[in-house]
């Protein structure tokens, strides 16, 4: 999970989850 508090306009983006297991 990602808890995001005190959000700012500069936090605007597409957020991607990543997992590394030898490959991404």
PDBML (XML) file of the C-alpha atoms, coordinates in Angstrom:
<?xml version="1.0" encoding="UTF-8" ?>
<PDBx:datablock datablockName="MODEL"
   xmlns:PDBx="http://pdbml.pdb.org/schema/pdbx-v50.xsd"
   xmlns:xsi="http://www.w3.org/2001/XMLSchema-instance"
   xsi:schemaLocation="http://pdbml.pdb.org/schema/pdbx-v50.xsd pdbx-v50.xsd">
   <PDBx:atom_siteCategory>
      <PDBx:atom_site id="1">
         <PDBx:B_iso_or_equiv>0.00</PDBx:B_iso_or_equiv>
         <PDBx:Cartn_x>0.000</PDBx:Cartn_x>
         <PDBx:Cartn_y>0.000</PDBx:Cartn_y>
         <PDBx:Cartn_z>0.000</PDBx:Cartn_z>
         <PDBx:auth_asym_id>A</PDBx:auth_asym_id>
         <PDBx:auth_atom_id>CA</PDBx:auth_atom_id>
         <PDBx:auth_comp_id>UNK</PDBx:auth_comp_id>
         <PDBx:auth_seq_id>1</PDBx:auth_seq_id>
         <PDBx:group_PDB>ATOM</PDBx:group_PDB>
         <PDBx:label_alt_id xsi:nil="true" />
         <PDBx:label_asym_id>A</PDBx:label_asym_id>
         <PDBx:label_atom_id>CA</PDBx:label_atom_id>
         <PDBx:label_comp_id>UNK</PDBx:label_comp_id>
         <PDBx:label_entity_id>1</PDBx:label_entity_id>
         <PDBx:label_seq_id>1</PDBx:label_seq_id>
         <PDBx:occupancy>1.00</PDBx:occupancy>
         <PDBx:pdbx_PDB_model_num>1</PDBx:pdbx_PDB_model_num>
         <PDBx:type_symbol>C</PDBx:type_symbol>
      </PDBx:atom_site>
      <PDBx:atom_site id="2">
         <PDBx:B_iso_or_equiv>0.00</PDBx:B_iso_or_equiv>
         <PDBx:Cartn_x>0.946</PDBx:Cartn_x>
         <PDBx:Cartn_y>3.626</PDBx:Cartn_y>
         <PDBx:Cartn_z>-0.364</PDBx:Cartn_z>
         <PDBx:auth_asym_id>A</PDBx:auth_asym_id>
         <PDBx:auth_atom_id>CA</PDBx:auth_atom_id>
         <PDBx:auth_comp_id>UNK</PDBx:auth_comp_id>
         <PDBx:auth_seq_id>2</PDBx:auth_seq_id>
         <PDBx:group_PDB>ATOM</PDBx:group_PDB>
         <PDBx:label_alt_id xsi:nil="true" />
         <PDBx:label_asym_id>A</PDBx:label_asym_id>
         <PDBx:label_atom_id>CA</PDBx:label_atom_id>
         <PDBx:label_comp_id>UNK</PDBx:label_comp_id>
         <PDBx:label_entity_id>1</PDBx:label_entity_id>
         <PDBx:label_seq_id>2</PDBx:label_seq_id>
         <PDBx:occupancy>1.00</PDBx:occupancy>
         <PDBx:pdbx_PDB_model_num>1</PDBx:pdbx_PDB_model_num>
         <PDBx:type_symbol>C</PDBx:type_symbol>
      </PDBx:atom_site>
      <PDBx:atom_site id="3">
         <PDBx:B_iso_or_equiv>0.00</PDBx:B_iso_or_equiv>
         <PDBx:Cartn_x>-0.678</PDBx:Cartn_x>
         <PDBx:Cartn_y>6.049</PDBx:Cartn_y>
         <PDBx:Cartn_z>2.061</PDBx:Cartn_z>
         <PDBx:auth_asym_id>A</PDBx:auth_asym_id>
         <PDBx:auth_atom_id>CA</PDBx:auth_atom_id>
         <PDBx:auth_comp_id>UNK</PDBx:auth_comp_id>
         <PDBx:auth_seq_id>3</PDBx:auth_seq_id>
         <PDBx:group_PDB>ATOM</PDBx:group_PDB>
         <PDBx:label_alt_id xsi:nil="true" />
         <PDBx:label_asym_id>A</PDBx:label_asym_id>
         <PDBx:label_atom_id>CA</PDBx:label_atom_id>
         <PDBx:label_comp_id>UNK</PDBx:label_comp_id>
         <PDBx:label_entity_id>1</PDBx:label_entity_id>
         <PDBx:label_seq_id>3</PDBx:label_seq_id>
         <PDBx:occupancy>1.00</PDBx:occupancy>
         <PDBx:pdbx_PDB_model_num>1</PDBx:pdbx_PDB_model_num>
         <PDBx:type_symbol>C</PDBx:type_symbol>
      </PDBx:atom_site>
      <PDBx:atom_site id="4">
         <PDBx:B_iso_or_equiv>0.00</PDBx:B_iso_or_equiv>
         <PDBx:Cartn_x>-0.389</PDBx:Cartn_x>
         <PDBx:Cartn_y>9.559</PDBx:Cartn_y>
         <PDBx:Cartn_z>0.672</PDBx:Cartn_z>
         <PDBx:auth_asym_id>A</PDBx:auth_asym_id>
         <PDBx:auth_atom_id>CA</PDBx:auth_atom_id>
         <PDBx:auth_comp_id>UNK</PDBx:auth_comp_id>
         <PDBx:auth_seq_id>4</PDBx:auth_seq_id>
         <PDBx:group_PDB>ATOM</PDBx:group_PDB>
         <PDBx:label_alt_id xsi:nil="true" />
         <PDBx:label_asym_id>A</PDBx:label_asym_id>
         <PDBx:label_atom_id>CA</PDBx:label_atom_id>
         <PDBx:label_comp_id>UNK</PDBx:label_comp_id>
         <PDBx:label_entity_id>1</PDBx:label_entity_id>
         <PDBx:label_seq_id>4</PDBx:label_seq_id>
         <PDBx:occupancy>1.00</PDBx:occupancy>
         <PDBx:pdbx_PDB_model_num>1</PDBx:pdbx_PDB_model_num>
         <PDBx:type_symbol>C</PDBx:type_symbol>
      </PDBx:atom_site>
      <PDBx:atom_site id="5">
         <PDBx:B_iso_or_equiv>0.00</PDBx:B_iso_or_equiv>
         <PDBx:Cartn_x>-1.098</PDBx:Cartn_x>
         <PDBx:Cartn_y>12.485</PDBx:Cartn_y>
         <PDBx:Cartn_z>3.005</PDBx:Cartn_z>
         <PDBx:auth_asym_id>A</PDBx:auth_asym_id>
         <PDBx:auth_atom_id>CA</PDBx:auth_atom_id>
         <PDBx:auth_comp_id>UNK</PDBx:auth_comp_id>
         <PDBx:auth_seq_id>5</PDBx:auth_seq_id>
         <PDBx:group_PDB>ATOM</PDBx:group_PDB>
         <PDBx:label_alt_id xsi:nil="true" />
         <PDBx:label_asym_id>A</PDBx:label_asym_id>
         <PDBx:label_atom_id>CA</PDBx:label_atom_id>
         <PDBx:label_comp_id>UNK</PDBx:label_comp_id>
         <PDBx:label_entity_id>1</PDBx:label_entity_id>
         <PDBx:label_seq_id>5</PDBx:label_seq_id>
         <PDBx:occupancy>1.00</PDBx:occupancy>
         <PDBx:pdbx_PDB_model_num>1</PDBx:pdbx_PDB_model_num>
         <PDBx:type_symbol>C</PDBx:type_symbol>
      </PDBx:atom_site>
      <PDBx:atom_site id="6">
         <PDBx:B_iso_or_equiv>0.00</PDBx:B_iso_or_equiv>
         <PDBx:Cartn_x>-0.750</PDBx:Cartn_x>
         <PDBx:Cartn_y>16.244</PDBx:Cartn_y>
         <PDBx:Cartn_z>2.619</PDBx:Cartn_z>
         <PDBx:auth_asym_id>A</PDBx:auth_asym_id>
         <PDBx:auth_atom_id>CA</PDBx:auth_atom_id>
         <PDBx:auth_comp_id>UNK</PDBx:auth_comp_id>
         <PDBx:auth_seq_id>6</PDBx:auth_seq_id>
         <PDBx:group_PDB>ATOM</PDBx:group_PDB>
         <PDBx:label_alt_id xsi:nil="true" />
         <PDBx:label_asym_id>A</PDBx:label_asym_id>
         <PDBx:label_atom_id>CA</PDBx:label_atom_id>
         <PDBx:label_comp_id>UNK</PDBx:label_comp_id>
         <PDBx:label_entity_id>1</PDBx:label_entity_id>
         <PDBx:label_seq_id>6</PDBx:label_seq_id>
         <PDBx:occupancy>1.00</PDBx:occupancy>
         <PDBx:pdbx_PDB_model_num>1</PDBx:pdbx_PDB_model_num>
         <PDBx:type_symbol>C</PDBx:type_symbol>
      </PDBx:atom_site>
      <PDBx:atom_site id="7">
         <PDBx:B_iso_or_equiv>0.00</PDBx:B_iso_or_equiv>
         <PDBx:Cartn_x>-0.998</PDBx:Cartn_x>
         <PDBx:Cartn_y>15.874</PDBx:Cartn_y>
         <PDBx:Cartn_z>-1.136</PDBx:Cartn_z>
         <PDBx:auth_asym_id>A</PDBx:auth_asym_id>
         <PDBx:auth_atom_id>CA</PDBx:auth_atom_id>
         <PDBx:auth_comp_id>UNK</PDBx:auth_comp_id>
         <PDBx:auth_seq_id>7</PDBx:auth_seq_id>
         <PDBx:group_PDB>ATOM</PDBx:group_PDB>
         <PDBx:label_alt_id xsi:nil="true" />
         <PDBx:label_asym_id>A</PDBx:label_asym_id>
         <PDBx:label_atom_id>CA</PDBx:label_atom_id>
         <PDBx:label_comp_id>UNK</PDBx:label_comp_id>
         <PDBx:label_entity_id>1</PDBx:label_entity_id>
         <PDBx:label_seq_id>7</PDBx:label_seq_id>
         <PDBx:occupancy>1.00</PDBx:occupancy>
         <PDBx:pdbx_PDB_model_num>1</PDBx:pdbx_PDB_model_num>
         <PDBx:type_symbol>C</PDBx:type_symbol>
      </PDBx:atom_site>
      <PDBx:atom_site id="8">
         <PDBx:B_iso_or_equiv>0.00</PDBx:B_iso_or_equiv>
         <PDBx:Cartn_x>0.265</PDBx:Cartn_x>
         <PDBx:Cartn_y>18.671</PDBx:Cartn_y>
         <PDBx:Cartn_z>-3.354</PDBx:Cartn_z>
         <PDBx:auth_asym_id>A</PDBx:auth_asym_id>
         <PDBx:auth_atom_id>CA</PDBx:auth_atom_id>
         <PDBx:auth_comp_id>UNK</PDBx:auth_comp_id>
         <PDBx:auth_seq_id>8</PDBx:auth_seq_id>
         <PDBx:group_PDB>ATOM</PDBx:group_PDB>
         <PDBx:label_alt_id xsi:nil="true" />
         <PDBx:label_asym_id>A</PDBx:label_asym_id>
         <PDBx:label_atom_id>CA</PDBx:label_atom_id>
         <PDBx:label_comp_id>UNK</PDBx:label_comp_id>
         <PDBx:label_entity_id>1</PDBx:label_entity_id>
         <PDBx:label_seq_id>8</PDBx:label_seq_id>
         <PDBx:occupancy>1.00</PDBx:occupancy>
         <PDBx:pdbx_PDB_model_num>1</PDBx:pdbx_PDB_model_num>
         <PDBx:type_symbol>C</PDBx:type_symbol>
      </PDBx:atom_site>
      <PDBx:atom_site id="9">
         <PDBx:B_iso_or_equiv>0.00</PDBx:B_iso_or_equiv>
         <PDBx:Cartn_x>-0.505</PDBx:Cartn_x>
         <PDBx:Cartn_y>19.542</PDBx:Cartn_y>
         <PDBx:Cartn_z>-6.989</PDBx:Cartn_z>
         <PDBx:auth_asym_id>A</PDBx:auth_asym_id>
         <PDBx:auth_atom_id>CA</PDBx:auth_atom_id>
         <PDBx:auth_comp_id>UNK</PDBx:auth_comp_id>
         <PDBx:auth_seq_id>9</PDBx:auth_seq_id>
         <PDBx:group_PDB>ATOM</PDBx:group_PDB>
         <PDBx:label_alt_id xsi:nil="true" />
         <PDBx:label_asym_id>A</PDBx:label_asym_id>
         <PDBx:label_atom_id>CA</PDBx:label_atom_id>
         <PDBx:label_comp_id>UNK</PDBx:label_comp_id>
         <PDBx:label_entity_id>1</PDBx:label_entity_id>
         <PDBx:label_seq_id>9</PDBx:label_seq_id>
         <PDBx:occupancy>1.00</PDBx:occupancy>
         <PDBx:pdbx_PDB_model_num>1</PDBx:pdbx_PDB_model_num>
         <PDBx:type_symbol>C</PDBx:type_symbol>
      </PDBx:atom_site>
      <PDBx:atom_site id="10">
         <PDBx:B_iso_or_equiv>0.00</PDBx:B_iso_or_equiv>
         <PDBx:Cartn_x>3.018</PDBx:Cartn_x>
         <PDBx:Cartn_y>18.405</PDBx:Cartn_y>
         <PDBx:Cartn_z>-7.891</PDBx:Cartn_z>
         <PDBx:auth_asym_id>A</PDBx:auth_asym_id>
         <PDBx:auth_atom_id>CA</PDBx:auth_atom_id>
         <PDBx:auth_comp_id>UNK</PDBx:auth_comp_id>
         <PDBx:auth_seq_id>10</PDBx:auth_seq_id>
         <PDBx:group_PDB>ATOM</PDBx:group_PDB>
         <PDBx:label_alt_id xsi:nil="true" />
         <PDBx:label_asym_id>A</PDBx:label_asym_id>
         <PDBx:label_atom_id>CA</PDBx:label_atom_id>
         <PDBx:label_comp_id>UNK</PDBx:label_comp_id>
         <PDBx:label_entity_id>1</PDBx:label_entity_id>
         <PDBx:label_seq_id>10</PDBx:label_seq_id>
         <PDBx:occupancy>1.00</PDBx:occupancy>
         <PDBx:pdbx_PDB_model_num>1</PDBx:pdbx_PDB_model_num>
         <PDBx:type_symbol>C</PDBx:type_symbol>
      </PDBx:atom_site>
      <PDBx:atom_site id="11">
         <PDBx:B_iso_or_equiv>0.00</PDBx:B_iso_or_equiv>
         <PDBx:Cartn_x>2.072</PDBx:Cartn_x>
         <PDBx:Cartn_y>14.894</PDBx:Cartn_y>
         <PDBx:Cartn_z>-6.757</PDBx:Cartn_z>
         <PDBx:auth_asym_id>A</PDBx:auth_asym_id>
         <PDBx:auth_atom_id>CA</PDBx:auth_atom_id>
         <PDBx:auth_comp_id>UNK</PDBx:auth_comp_id>
         <PDBx:auth_seq_id>11</PDBx:auth_seq_id>
         <PDBx:group_PDB>ATOM</PDBx:group_PDB>
         <PDBx:label_alt_id xsi:nil="true" />
         <PDBx:label_asym_id>A</PDBx:label_asym_id>
         <PDBx:label_atom_id>CA</PDBx:label_atom_id>
         <PDBx:label_comp_id>UNK</PDBx:label_comp_id>
         <PDBx:label_entity_id>1</PDBx:label_entity_id>
         <PDBx:label_seq_id>11</PDBx:label_seq_id>
         <PDBx:occupancy>1.00</PDBx:occupancy>
         <PDBx:pdbx_PDB_model_num>1</PDBx:pdbx_PDB_model_num>
         <PDBx:type_symbol>C</PDBx:type_symbol>
      </PDBx:atom_site>
      <PDBx:atom_site id="12">
         <PDBx:B_iso_or_equiv>0.00</PDBx:B_iso_or_equiv>
         <PDBx:Cartn_x>-0.266</PDBx:Cartn_x>
         <PDBx:Cartn_y>14.663</PDBx:Cartn_y>
         <PDBx:Cartn_z>-9.745</PDBx:Cartn_z>
         <PDBx:auth_asym_id>A</PDBx:auth_asym_id>
         <PDBx:auth_atom_id>CA</PDBx:auth_atom_id>
         <PDBx:auth_comp_id>UNK</PDBx:auth_comp_id>
         <PDBx:auth_seq_id>12</PDBx:auth_seq_id>
         <PDBx:group_PDB>ATOM</PDBx:group_PDB>
         <PDBx:label_alt_id xsi:nil="true" />
         <PDBx:label_asym_id>A</PDBx:label_asym_id>
         <PDBx:label_atom_id>CA</PDBx:label_atom_id>
         <PDBx:label_comp_id>UNK</PDBx:label_comp_id>
         <PDBx:label_entity_id>1</PDBx:label_entity_id>
         <PDBx:label_seq_id>12</PDBx:label_seq_id>
         <PDBx:occupancy>1.00</PDBx:occupancy>
         <PDBx:pdbx_PDB_model_num>1</PDBx:pdbx_PDB_model_num>
         <PDBx:type_symbol>C</PDBx:type_symbol>
      </PDBx:atom_site>
      <PDBx:atom_site id="13">
         <PDBx:B_iso_or_equiv>0.00</PDBx:B_iso_or_equiv>
         <PDBx:Cartn_x>0.891</PDBx:Cartn_x>
         <PDBx:Cartn_y>11.718</PDBx:Cartn_y>
         <PDBx:Cartn_z>-11.856</PDBx:Cartn_z>
         <PDBx:auth_asym_id>A</PDBx:auth_asym_id>
         <PDBx:auth_atom_id>CA</PDBx:auth_atom_id>
         <PDBx:auth_comp_id>UNK</PDBx:auth_comp_id>
         <PDBx:auth_seq_id>13</PDBx:auth_seq_id>
         <PDBx:group_PDB>ATOM</PDBx:group_PDB>
         <PDBx:label_alt_id xsi:nil="true" />
         <PDBx:label_asym_id>A</PDBx:label_asym_id>
         <PDBx:label_atom_id>CA</PDBx:label_atom_id>
         <PDBx:label_comp_id>UNK</PDBx:label_comp_id>
         <PDBx:label_entity_id>1</PDBx:label_entity_id>
         <PDBx:label_seq_id>13</PDBx:label_seq_id>
         <PDBx:occupancy>1.00</PDBx:occupancy>
         <PDBx:pdbx_PDB_model_num>1</PDBx:pdbx_PDB_model_num>
         <PDBx:type_symbol>C</PDBx:type_symbol>
      </PDBx:atom_site>
      <PDBx:atom_site id="14">
         <PDBx:B_iso_or_equiv>0.00</PDBx:B_iso_or_equiv>
         <PDBx:Cartn_x>0.162</PDBx:Cartn_x>
         <PDBx:Cartn_y>8.194</PDBx:Cartn_y>
         <PDBx:Cartn_z>-12.936</PDBx:Cartn_z>
         <PDBx:auth_asym_id>A</PDBx:auth_asym_id>
         <PDBx:auth_atom_id>CA</PDBx:auth_atom_id>
         <PDBx:auth_comp_id>UNK</PDBx:auth_comp_id>
         <PDBx:auth_seq_id>14</PDBx:auth_seq_id>
         <PDBx:group_PDB>ATOM</PDBx:group_PDB>
         <PDBx:label_alt_id xsi:nil="true" />
         <PDBx:label_asym_id>A</PDBx:label_asym_id>
         <PDBx:label_atom_id>CA</PDBx:label_atom_id>
         <PDBx:label_comp_id>UNK</PDBx:label_comp_id>
         <PDBx:label_entity_id>1</PDBx:label_entity_id>
         <PDBx:label_seq_id>14</PDBx:label_seq_id>
         <PDBx:occupancy>1.00</PDBx:occupancy>
         <PDBx:pdbx_PDB_model_num>1</PDBx:pdbx_PDB_model_num>
         <PDBx:type_symbol>C</PDBx:type_symbol>
      </PDBx:atom_site>
      <PDBx:atom_site id="15">
         <PDBx:B_iso_or_equiv>0.00</PDBx:B_iso_or_equiv>
         <PDBx:Cartn_x>1.334</PDBx:Cartn_x>
         <PDBx:Cartn_y>5.911</PDBx:Cartn_y>
         <PDBx:Cartn_z>-10.165</PDBx:Cartn_z>
         <PDBx:auth_asym_id>A</PDBx:auth_asym_id>
         <PDBx:auth_atom_id>CA</PDBx:auth_atom_id>
         <PDBx:auth_comp_id>UNK</PDBx:auth_comp_id>
         <PDBx:auth_seq_id>15</PDBx:auth_seq_id>
         <PDBx:group_PDB>ATOM</PDBx:group_PDB>
         <PDBx:label_alt_id xsi:nil="true" />
         <PDBx:label_asym_id>A</PDBx:label_asym_id>
         <PDBx:label_atom_id>CA</PDBx:label_atom_id>
         <PDBx:label_comp_id>UNK</PDBx:label_comp_id>
         <PDBx:label_entity_id>1</PDBx:label_entity_id>
         <PDBx:label_seq_id>15</PDBx:label_seq_id>
         <PDBx:occupancy>1.00</PDBx:occupancy>
         <PDBx:pdbx_PDB_model_num>1</PDBx:pdbx_PDB_model_num>
         <PDBx:type_symbol>C</PDBx:type_symbol>
      </PDBx:atom_site>
      <PDBx:atom_site id="16">
         <PDBx:B_iso_or_equiv>0.00</PDBx:B_iso_or_equiv>
         <PDBx:Cartn_x>2.703</PDBx:Cartn_x>
         <PDBx:Cartn_y>2.472</PDBx:Cartn_y>
         <PDBx:Cartn_z>-11.046</PDBx:Cartn_z>
         <PDBx:auth_asym_id>A</PDBx:auth_asym_id>
         <PDBx:auth_atom_id>CA</PDBx:auth_atom_id>
         <PDBx:auth_comp_id>UNK</PDBx:auth_comp_id>
         <PDBx:auth_seq_id>16</PDBx:auth_seq_id>
         <PDBx:group_PDB>ATOM</PDBx:group_PDB>
         <PDBx:label_alt_id xsi:nil="true" />
         <PDBx:label_asym_id>A</PDBx:label_asym_id>
         <PDBx:label_atom_id>CA</PDBx:label_atom_id>
         <PDBx:label_comp_id>UNK</PDBx:label_comp_id>
         <PDBx:label_entity_id>1</PDBx:label_entity_id>
         <PDBx:label_seq_id>16</PDBx:label_seq_id>
         <PDBx:occupancy>1.00</PDBx:occupancy>
         <PDBx:pdbx_PDB_model_num>1</PDBx:pdbx_PDB_model_num>
         <PDBx:type_symbol>C</PDBx:type_symbol>
      </PDBx:atom_site>
      <PDBx:atom_site id="17">
         <PDBx:B_iso_or_equiv>0.00</PDBx:B_iso_or_equiv>
         <PDBx:Cartn_x>3.292</PDBx:Cartn_x>
         <PDBx:Cartn_y>-0.522</PDBx:Cartn_y>
         <PDBx:Cartn_z>-8.836</PDBx:Cartn_z>
         <PDBx:auth_asym_id>A</PDBx:auth_asym_id>
         <PDBx:auth_atom_id>CA</PDBx:auth_atom_id>
         <PDBx:auth_comp_id>UNK</PDBx:auth_comp_id>
         <PDBx:auth_seq_id>17</PDBx:auth_seq_id>
         <PDBx:group_PDB>ATOM</PDBx:group_PDB>
         <PDBx:label_alt_id xsi:nil="true" />
         <PDBx:label_asym_id>A</PDBx:label_asym_id>
         <PDBx:label_atom_id>CA</PDBx:label_atom_id>
         <PDBx:label_comp_id>UNK</PDBx:label_comp_id>
         <PDBx:label_entity_id>1</PDBx:label_entity_id>
         <PDBx:label_seq_id>17</PDBx:label_seq_id>
         <PDBx:occupancy>1.00</PDBx:occupancy>
         <PDBx:pdbx_PDB_model_num>1</PDBx:pdbx_PDB_model_num>
         <PDBx:type_symbol>C</PDBx:type_symbol>
      </PDBx:atom_site>
      <PDBx:atom_site id="18">
         <PDBx:B_iso_or_equiv>0.00</PDBx:B_iso_or_equiv>
         <PDBx:Cartn_x>6.519</PDBx:Cartn_x>
         <PDBx:Cartn_y>-2.437</PDBx:Cartn_y>
         <PDBx:Cartn_z>-9.450</PDBx:Cartn_z>
         <PDBx:auth_asym_id>A</PDBx:auth_asym_id>
         <PDBx:auth_atom_id>CA</PDBx:auth_atom_id>
         <PDBx:auth_comp_id>UNK</PDBx:auth_comp_id>
         <PDBx:auth_seq_id>18</PDBx:auth_seq_id>
         <PDBx:group_PDB>ATOM</PDBx:group_PDB>
         <PDBx:label_alt_id xsi:nil="true" />
         <PDBx:label_asym_id>A</PDBx:label_asym_id>
         <PDBx:label_atom_id>CA</PDBx:label_atom_id>
         <PDBx:label_comp_id>UNK</PDBx:label_comp_id>
         <PDBx:label_entity_id>1</PDBx:label_entity_id>
         <PDBx:label_seq_id>18</PDBx:label_seq_id>
         <PDBx:occupancy>1.00</PDBx:occupancy>
         <PDBx:pdbx_PDB_model_num>1</PDBx:pdbx_PDB_model_num>
         <PDBx:type_symbol>C</PDBx:type_symbol>
      </PDBx:atom_site>
      <PDBx:atom_site id="19">
         <PDBx:B_iso_or_equiv>0.00</PDBx:B_iso_or_equiv>
         <PDBx:Cartn_x>7.708</PDBx:Cartn_x>
         <PDBx:Cartn_y>-5.852</PDBx:Cartn_y>
         <PDBx:Cartn_z>-8.346</PDBx:Cartn_z>
         <PDBx:auth_asym_id>A</PDBx:auth_asym_id>
         <PDBx:auth_atom_id>CA</PDBx:auth_atom_id>
         <PDBx:auth_comp_id>UNK</PDBx:auth_comp_id>
         <PDBx:auth_seq_id>19</PDBx:auth_seq_id>
         <PDBx:group_PDB>ATOM</PDBx:group_PDB>
         <PDBx:label_alt_id xsi:nil="true" />
         <PDBx:label_asym_id>A</PDBx:label_asym_id>
         <PDBx:label_atom_id>CA</PDBx:label_atom_id>
         <PDBx:label_comp_id>UNK</PDBx:label_comp_id>
         <PDBx:label_entity_id>1</PDBx:label_entity_id>
         <PDBx:label_seq_id>19</PDBx:label_seq_id>
         <PDBx:occupancy>1.00</PDBx:occupancy>
         <PDBx:pdbx_PDB_model_num>1</PDBx:pdbx_PDB_model_num>
         <PDBx:type_symbol>C</PDBx:type_symbol>
      </PDBx:atom_site>
      <PDBx:atom_site id="20">
         <PDBx:B_iso_or_equiv>0.00</PDBx:B_iso_or_equiv>
         <PDBx:Cartn_x>11.265</PDBx:Cartn_x>
         <PDBx:Cartn_y>-7.114</PDBx:Cartn_y>
         <PDBx:Cartn_z>-8.726</PDBx:Cartn_z>
         <PDBx:auth_asym_id>A</PDBx:auth_asym_id>
         <PDBx:auth_atom_id>CA</PDBx:auth_atom_id>
         <PDBx:auth_comp_id>UNK</PDBx:auth_comp_id>
         <PDBx:auth_seq_id>20</PDBx:auth_seq_id>
         <PDBx:group_PDB>ATOM</PDBx:group_PDB>
         <PDBx:label_alt_id xsi:nil="true" />
         <PDBx:label_asym_id>A</PDBx:label_asym_id>
         <PDBx:label_atom_id>CA</PDBx:label_atom_id>
         <PDBx:label_comp_id>UNK</PDBx:label_comp_id>
         <PDBx:label_entity_id>1</PDBx:label_entity_id>
         <PDBx:label_seq_id>20</PDBx:label_seq_id>
         <PDBx:occupancy>1.00</PDBx:occupancy>
         <PDBx:pdbx_PDB_model_num>1</PDBx:pdbx_PDB_model_num>
         <PDBx:type_symbol>C</PDBx:type_symbol>
      </PDBx:atom_site>
      <PDBx:atom_site id="21">
         <PDBx:B_iso_or_equiv>0.00</PDBx:B_iso_or_equiv>
         <PDBx:Cartn_x>11.844</PDBx:Cartn_x>
         <PDBx:Cartn_y>-10.867</PDBx:Cartn_y>
         <PDBx:Cartn_z>-8.847</PDBx:Cartn_z>
         <PDBx:auth_asym_id>A</PDBx:auth_asym_id>
         <PDBx:auth_atom_id>CA</PDBx:auth_atom_id>
         <PDBx:auth_comp_id>UNK</PDBx:auth_comp_id>
         <PDBx:auth_seq_id>21</PDBx:auth_seq_id>
         <PDBx:group_PDB>ATOM</PDBx:group_PDB>
         <PDBx:label_alt_id xsi:nil="true" />
         <PDBx:label_asym_id>A</PDBx:label_asym_id>
         <PDBx:label_atom_id>CA</PDBx:label_atom_id>
         <PDBx:label_comp_id>UNK</PDBx:label_comp_id>
         <PDBx:label_entity_id>1</PDBx:label_entity_id>
         <PDBx:label_seq_id>21</PDBx:label_seq_id>
         <PDBx:occupancy>1.00</PDBx:occupancy>
         <PDBx:pdbx_PDB_model_num>1</PDBx:pdbx_PDB_model_num>
         <PDBx:type_symbol>C</PDBx:type_symbol>
      </PDBx:atom_site>
      <PDBx:atom_site id="22">
         <PDBx:B_iso_or_equiv>0.00</PDBx:B_iso_or_equiv>
         <PDBx:Cartn_x>14.957</PDBx:Cartn_x>
         <PDBx:Cartn_y>-10.980</PDBx:Cartn_y>
         <PDBx:Cartn_z>-10.997</PDBx:Cartn_z>
         <PDBx:auth_asym_id>A</PDBx:auth_asym_id>
         <PDBx:auth_atom_id>CA</PDBx:auth_atom_id>
         <PDBx:auth_comp_id>UNK</PDBx:auth_comp_id>
         <PDBx:auth_seq_id>22</PDBx:auth_seq_id>
         <PDBx:group_PDB>ATOM</PDBx:group_PDB>
         <PDBx:label_alt_id xsi:nil="true" />
         <PDBx:label_asym_id>A</PDBx:label_asym_id>
         <PDBx:label_atom_id>CA</PDBx:label_atom_id>
         <PDBx:label_comp_id>UNK</PDBx:label_comp_id>
         <PDBx:label_entity_id>1</PDBx:label_entity_id>
         <PDBx:label_seq_id>22</PDBx:label_seq_id>
         <PDBx:occupancy>1.00</PDBx:occupancy>
         <PDBx:pdbx_PDB_model_num>1</PDBx:pdbx_PDB_model_num>
         <PDBx:type_symbol>C</PDBx:type_symbol>
      </PDBx:atom_site>
      <PDBx:atom_site id="23">
         <PDBx:B_iso_or_equiv>0.00</PDBx:B_iso_or_equiv>
         <PDBx:Cartn_x>12.923</PDBx:Cartn_x>
         <PDBx:Cartn_y>-9.227</PDBx:Cartn_y>
         <PDBx:Cartn_z>-13.635</PDBx:Cartn_z>
         <PDBx:auth_asym_id>A</PDBx:auth_asym_id>
         <PDBx:auth_atom_id>CA</PDBx:auth_atom_id>
         <PDBx:auth_comp_id>UNK</PDBx:auth_comp_id>
         <PDBx:auth_seq_id>23</PDBx:auth_seq_id>
         <PDBx:group_PDB>ATOM</PDBx:group_PDB>
         <PDBx:label_alt_id xsi:nil="true" />
         <PDBx:label_asym_id>A</PDBx:label_asym_id>
         <PDBx:label_atom_id>CA</PDBx:label_atom_id>
         <PDBx:label_comp_id>UNK</PDBx:label_comp_id>
         <PDBx:label_entity_id>1</PDBx:label_entity_id>
         <PDBx:label_seq_id>23</PDBx:label_seq_id>
         <PDBx:occupancy>1.00</PDBx:occupancy>
         <PDBx:pdbx_PDB_model_num>1</PDBx:pdbx_PDB_model_num>
         <PDBx:type_symbol>C</PDBx:type_symbol>
      </PDBx:atom_site>
      <PDBx:atom_site id="24">
         <PDBx:B_iso_or_equiv>0.00</PDBx:B_iso_or_equiv>
         <PDBx:Cartn_x>10.576</PDBx:Cartn_x>
         <PDBx:Cartn_y>-6.279</PDBx:Cartn_y>
         <PDBx:Cartn_z>-13.321</PDBx:Cartn_z>
         <PDBx:auth_asym_id>A</PDBx:auth_asym_id>
         <PDBx:auth_atom_id>CA</PDBx:auth_atom_id>
         <PDBx:auth_comp_id>UNK</PDBx:auth_comp_id>
         <PDBx:auth_seq_id>24</PDBx:auth_seq_id>
         <PDBx:group_PDB>ATOM</PDBx:group_PDB>
         <PDBx:label_alt_id xsi:nil="true" />
         <PDBx:label_asym_id>A</PDBx:label_asym_id>
         <PDBx:label_atom_id>CA</PDBx:label_atom_id>
         <PDBx:label_comp_id>UNK</PDBx:label_comp_id>
         <PDBx:label_entity_id>1</PDBx:label_entity_id>
         <PDBx:label_seq_id>24</PDBx:label_seq_id>
         <PDBx:occupancy>1.00</PDBx:occupancy>
         <PDBx:pdbx_PDB_model_num>1</PDBx:pdbx_PDB_model_num>
         <PDBx:type_symbol>C</PDBx:type_symbol>
      </PDBx:atom_site>
   </PDBx:atom_siteCategory>
</PDBx:datablock>
